[in-house]
């Protein structure tokens, strides 16, 4: 296999990458590169399109690297490139982790569980006694006293409820239809004072009328105050 050094600026991702990479994965990629360097090349075609290694490419880009190791495959058709991309991702998923081998490897790490992609506390638990494992579980999710004190010192934001009706004028946007003006409620007839000639409101104390039936068969009564028909 011939490894070629290429500029990251000359490479590009495919139009459809079937593997999505989370920020957590990219962070662990970066940790691995910082710890061991680039241990495998990106697989690209003769035009710089990445066939395998898109996550590694993104990690190197975030690190500010300018070049990377690549393995260039040539002479593949578009269909063959797509099949290679699919196979590279799927064949890896068909394997599984041998937990017995992991436990043995953790024992050989002599307590150094700083391994990119792995939870350090989980690896410690694999190589711990029952008492040590219980202590790890009990401490999981706890905060140091100093951090708790800092959180308690942070001011608590006061909740200021919004007023039901704003005290400032509200101008509707251009694409918003202004509300129609409210129609005044029907007022009862005004009585004219014989002494002053000024109209004054005098409630009509007409007795309540019994329910009646209209032409459509619906029952209604006449409001003694305003004279309006109220359907029942």
Protein backbone atom coordinates (compact mmCIF):
# COMPACT_ATOMS: atom_id res chain seq x y z
CA UNK A 1 0.00 0.00 0.00
CA UNK A 2 1.44 3.33 -1.07
CA UNK A 3 0.73 6.23 1.31
CA UNK A 4 0.55 9.71 -0.21
CA UNK A 5 0.63 12.95 1.75
CA UNK A 6 -2.09 15.32 0.57
CA UNK A 7 -3.32 18.74 1.62
CA UNK A 8 -6.59 18.70 3.51
CA UNK A 9 -7.71 21.66 1.42
CA UNK A 10 -7.52 19.44 -1.69
CA UNK A 11 -9.87 16.82 -0.21
CA UNK A 12 -13.64 16.91 0.07
CA UNK A 13 -16.42 14.78 1.55
CA UNK A 14 -18.78 12.79 -0.68
CA UNK A 15 -22.22 14.13 -1.50
CA UNK A 16 -23.83 11.39 0.62
CA UNK A 17 -21.88 10.16 3.64
CA UNK A 18 -23.73 7.30 5.33
CA UNK A 19 -21.87 7.73 8.61
CA UNK A 20 -22.66 10.71 10.83
CA UNK A 21 -20.10 11.81 13.40
CA UNK A 22 -21.09 13.34 16.75
CA UNK A 23 -19.04 16.00 18.53
CA UNK A 24 -18.15 13.38 21.14
CA UNK A 25 -16.70 11.08 18.49
CA UNK A 26 -14.70 13.88 16.86
CA UNK A 27 -13.35 14.87 20.29
CA UNK A 28 -12.19 11.29 20.89
CA UNK A 29 -10.67 11.19 17.39
CA UNK A 30 -8.65 14.28 18.30
CA UNK A 31 -7.54 12.72 21.60
CA UNK A 32 -6.39 9.63 19.73
CA UNK A 33 -4.46 11.65 17.16
CA UNK A 34 -2.79 13.71 19.89
CA UNK A 35 -1.86 10.53 21.74
CA UNK A 36 -0.77 8.28 18.87
CA UNK A 37 -0.70 10.39 15.71
CA UNK A 38 -2.54 9.49 12.48
CA UNK A 39 -2.32 5.72 12.52
CA UNK A 40 -4.41 4.99 9.42
CA UNK A 41 -4.74 6.81 6.12
CA UNK A 42 -7.79 8.36 4.55
CA UNK A 43 -9.02 6.46 1.50
CA UNK A 44 -9.61 8.88 -1.39
CA UNK A 45 -10.10 8.68 -5.12
CA UNK A 46 -7.95 10.37 -7.76
CA UNK A 47 -10.10 13.52 -7.52
CA UNK A 48 -9.71 13.96 -3.76
CA UNK A 49 -13.12 12.67 -2.76
CA UNK A 50 -13.03 10.84 0.56
CA UNK A 51 -14.31 7.28 0.37
CA UNK A 52 -13.38 6.20 3.90
CA UNK A 53 -12.24 8.31 6.85
CA UNK A 54 -14.63 11.27 6.92
CA UNK A 55 -14.58 11.43 10.73
CA UNK A 56 -10.79 11.39 10.76
CA UNK A 57 -10.77 14.13 8.12
CA UNK A 58 -13.03 16.33 10.25
CA UNK A 59 -10.89 15.77 13.35
CA UNK A 60 -7.71 16.70 11.50
CA UNK A 61 -9.40 19.81 10.12
CA UNK A 62 -10.51 20.92 13.60
CA UNK A 63 -6.99 20.42 14.86
CA UNK A 64 -5.72 22.86 12.26
CA UNK A 65 -3.66 20.28 10.39
CA UNK A 66 -2.76 21.14 6.80
CA UNK A 67 -1.80 17.70 5.47
CA UNK A 68 -2.71 14.07 6.10
CA UNK A 69 -1.75 10.57 4.98
CA UNK A 70 -3.93 9.16 2.22
CA UNK A 71 -4.33 5.97 0.27
CA UNK A 72 -5.42 6.82 -3.25
CA UNK A 73 -7.55 4.28 -5.13
CA UNK A 74 -7.86 4.80 -8.86
CA UNK A 75 -9.91 3.34 -11.69
CA UNK A 76 -13.10 2.76 -9.69
CA UNK A 77 -16.49 3.58 -11.19
CA UNK A 78 -18.95 5.74 -9.28
CA UNK A 79 -20.92 2.63 -8.35
CA UNK A 80 -17.78 0.87 -7.05
CA UNK A 81 -16.87 3.91 -4.92
CA UNK A 82 -20.33 3.94 -3.36
CA UNK A 83 -20.18 0.20 -2.67
CA UNK A 84 -16.72 0.54 -1.12
CA UNK A 85 -17.99 3.31 1.15
CA UNK A 86 -20.97 1.21 2.24
CA UNK A 87 -18.85 -1.90 2.79
CA UNK A 88 -16.23 -0.04 4.82
CA UNK A 89 -18.87 1.15 7.27
CA UNK A 90 -21.00 -1.98 7.47
CA UNK A 91 -18.37 -4.72 7.66
CA UNK A 92 -16.90 -3.04 10.77
CA UNK A 93 -20.30 -3.18 12.49
CA UNK A 94 -20.52 -6.96 12.06
CA UNK A 95 -17.84 -7.53 14.71
CA UNK A 96 -18.39 -7.43 18.49
CA UNK A 97 -16.31 -6.64 21.56
CA UNK A 98 -14.73 -9.52 23.48
CA UNK A 99 -15.35 -8.43 27.06
CA UNK A 100 -13.01 -11.08 28.48
CA UNK A 101 -10.17 -9.73 26.35
CA UNK A 102 -11.02 -6.15 27.38
CA UNK A 103 -10.86 -7.10 31.06
CA UNK A 104 -7.49 -8.73 30.54
CA UNK A 105 -6.14 -5.71 28.67
CA UNK A 106 -7.36 -3.37 31.39
CA UNK A 107 -5.45 -5.39 33.97
CA UNK A 108 -2.31 -4.99 31.89
CA UNK A 109 -2.74 -1.19 31.78
CA UNK A 110 -1.58 -0.93 35.41
CA UNK A 111 -4.30 1.54 36.33
CA UNK A 112 -3.81 3.88 33.35
CA UNK A 113 -7.33 3.98 31.93
CA UNK A 114 -6.93 7.12 29.81
CA UNK A 115 -7.97 5.51 26.53
CA UNK A 116 -9.61 7.57 23.76
CA UNK A 117 -13.19 6.45 23.11
CA UNK A 118 -13.54 4.64 26.46
CA UNK A 119 -15.05 5.79 29.75
CA UNK A 120 -12.19 5.82 32.25
CA UNK A 121 -14.47 5.05 35.22
CA UNK A 122 -15.92 2.05 33.41
CA UNK A 123 -12.47 0.66 32.68
CA UNK A 124 -11.46 1.17 36.32
CA UNK A 125 -14.54 -0.76 37.40
CA UNK A 126 -13.62 -3.70 35.15
CA UNK A 127 -10.33 -4.06 37.02
CA UNK A 128 -11.55 -3.35 40.55
CA UNK A 129 -12.67 -5.35 43.54
CA UNK A 130 -16.31 -5.44 44.66
CA UNK A 131 -15.59 -2.83 47.34
CA UNK A 132 -13.83 -0.54 44.86
CA UNK A 133 -16.65 -0.94 42.33
CA UNK A 134 -19.24 0.00 44.98
CA UNK A 135 -17.25 3.13 45.82
CA UNK A 136 -17.08 4.14 42.14
CA UNK A 137 -20.85 3.66 41.74
CA UNK A 138 -21.61 5.67 44.89
CA UNK A 139 -19.39 8.55 43.75
CA UNK A 140 -20.76 8.58 40.20
CA UNK A 141 -22.37 11.93 39.39
CA UNK A 142 -21.23 13.65 42.58
CA UNK A 143 -19.58 17.09 42.52
CA UNK A 144 -16.61 18.30 44.56
CA UNK A 145 -17.48 20.53 47.51
CA UNK A 146 -15.72 23.51 45.92
CA UNK A 147 -17.83 23.22 42.74
CA UNK A 148 -21.04 22.92 44.77
CA UNK A 149 -20.07 26.07 46.72
CA UNK A 150 -19.46 27.96 43.46
CA UNK A 151 -22.86 26.95 42.11
CA UNK A 152 -24.57 28.06 45.33
CA UNK A 153 -22.92 31.49 45.09
CA UNK A 154 -24.33 32.17 41.66
CA UNK A 155 -27.16 34.72 41.79
CA UNK A 156 -30.61 33.36 41.12
CA UNK A 157 -32.36 35.12 38.28
CA UNK A 158 -35.65 36.65 39.36
CA UNK A 159 -38.63 35.77 37.27
CA UNK A 160 -40.43 38.91 36.12
CA UNK A 161 -43.78 38.01 34.59
CA UNK A 162 -44.83 39.85 31.48
CA UNK A 163 -47.75 42.22 31.78
CA UNK A 164 -50.97 40.95 30.28
CA UNK A 165 -51.25 44.13 28.22
CA UNK A 166 -48.06 45.92 27.09
CA UNK A 167 -47.72 49.52 28.19
CA UNK A 168 -46.12 50.51 24.89
CA UNK A 169 -47.81 50.84 21.49
CA UNK A 170 -47.63 47.73 19.34
CA UNK A 171 -47.33 48.19 15.59
CA UNK A 172 -48.42 45.18 13.53
CA UNK A 173 -45.93 43.86 10.97
CA UNK A 174 -46.49 44.46 7.28
CA UNK A 175 -47.61 40.87 6.71
CA UNK A 176 -49.95 40.86 9.66
CA UNK A 177 -53.58 41.92 9.20
CA UNK A 178 -54.47 44.53 11.83
CA UNK A 179 -57.32 43.49 14.09
CA UNK A 180 -60.74 44.89 13.29
CA UNK A 181 -61.92 47.64 15.64
CA UNK A 182 -64.17 46.44 18.40
CA UNK A 183 -67.83 47.00 17.77
CA UNK A 184 -69.61 48.91 20.52
CA UNK A 185 -72.15 46.92 22.45
CA UNK A 186 -75.78 47.62 21.76
CA UNK A 187 -77.02 50.28 24.17
CA UNK A 188 -80.54 50.41 25.51
CA UNK A 189 -82.66 53.36 24.51
CA UNK A 190 -81.92 56.57 26.39
CA UNK A 191 -84.61 58.47 28.22
CA UNK A 192 -84.84 62.27 27.89
CA UNK A 193 -85.08 64.22 31.12
CA UNK A 194 -88.10 66.48 31.15
CA UNK A 195 -86.29 69.11 33.25
CA UNK A 196 -82.96 69.43 31.41
CA UNK A 197 -83.65 67.94 28.00
CA UNK A 198 -80.46 65.79 28.36
CA UNK A 199 -80.57 62.15 27.40
CA UNK A 200 -79.87 59.86 30.36
CA UNK A 201 -79.66 56.10 30.53
CA UNK A 202 -82.60 54.53 32.27
CA UNK A 203 -82.80 50.73 32.49
CA UNK A 204 -86.01 49.27 31.18
CA UNK A 205 -87.57 47.20 33.85
CA UNK A 206 -89.90 45.35 31.53
CA UNK A 207 -91.10 42.03 32.89
CA UNK A 208 -89.44 38.95 31.47
CA UNK A 209 -91.25 37.59 28.44
CA UNK A 210 -92.06 33.90 28.16
CA UNK A 211 -90.11 31.88 25.57
CA UNK A 212 -91.41 32.07 22.02
CA UNK A 213 -90.82 30.02 18.87
CA UNK A 214 -89.61 31.45 15.56
CA UNK A 215 -90.40 30.37 12.01
CA UNK A 216 -87.45 27.94 12.10
CA UNK A 217 -88.79 26.30 15.25
CA UNK A 218 -85.98 27.65 17.49
CA UNK A 219 -87.10 28.97 20.86
CA UNK A 220 -86.08 32.44 21.99
CA UNK A 221 -86.87 35.18 24.49
CA UNK A 222 -86.75 38.97 24.26
CA UNK A 223 -84.14 40.61 26.49
CA UNK A 224 -86.00 43.00 28.85
CA UNK A 225 -83.00 45.35 28.88
CA UNK A 226 -82.09 45.81 25.23
CA UNK A 227 -84.93 44.18 23.33
CA UNK A 228 -82.59 41.75 21.51
CA UNK A 229 -83.71 38.23 20.63
CA UNK A 230 -81.82 35.56 22.62
CA UNK A 231 -82.00 32.04 21.22
CA UNK A 232 -82.41 29.24 23.72
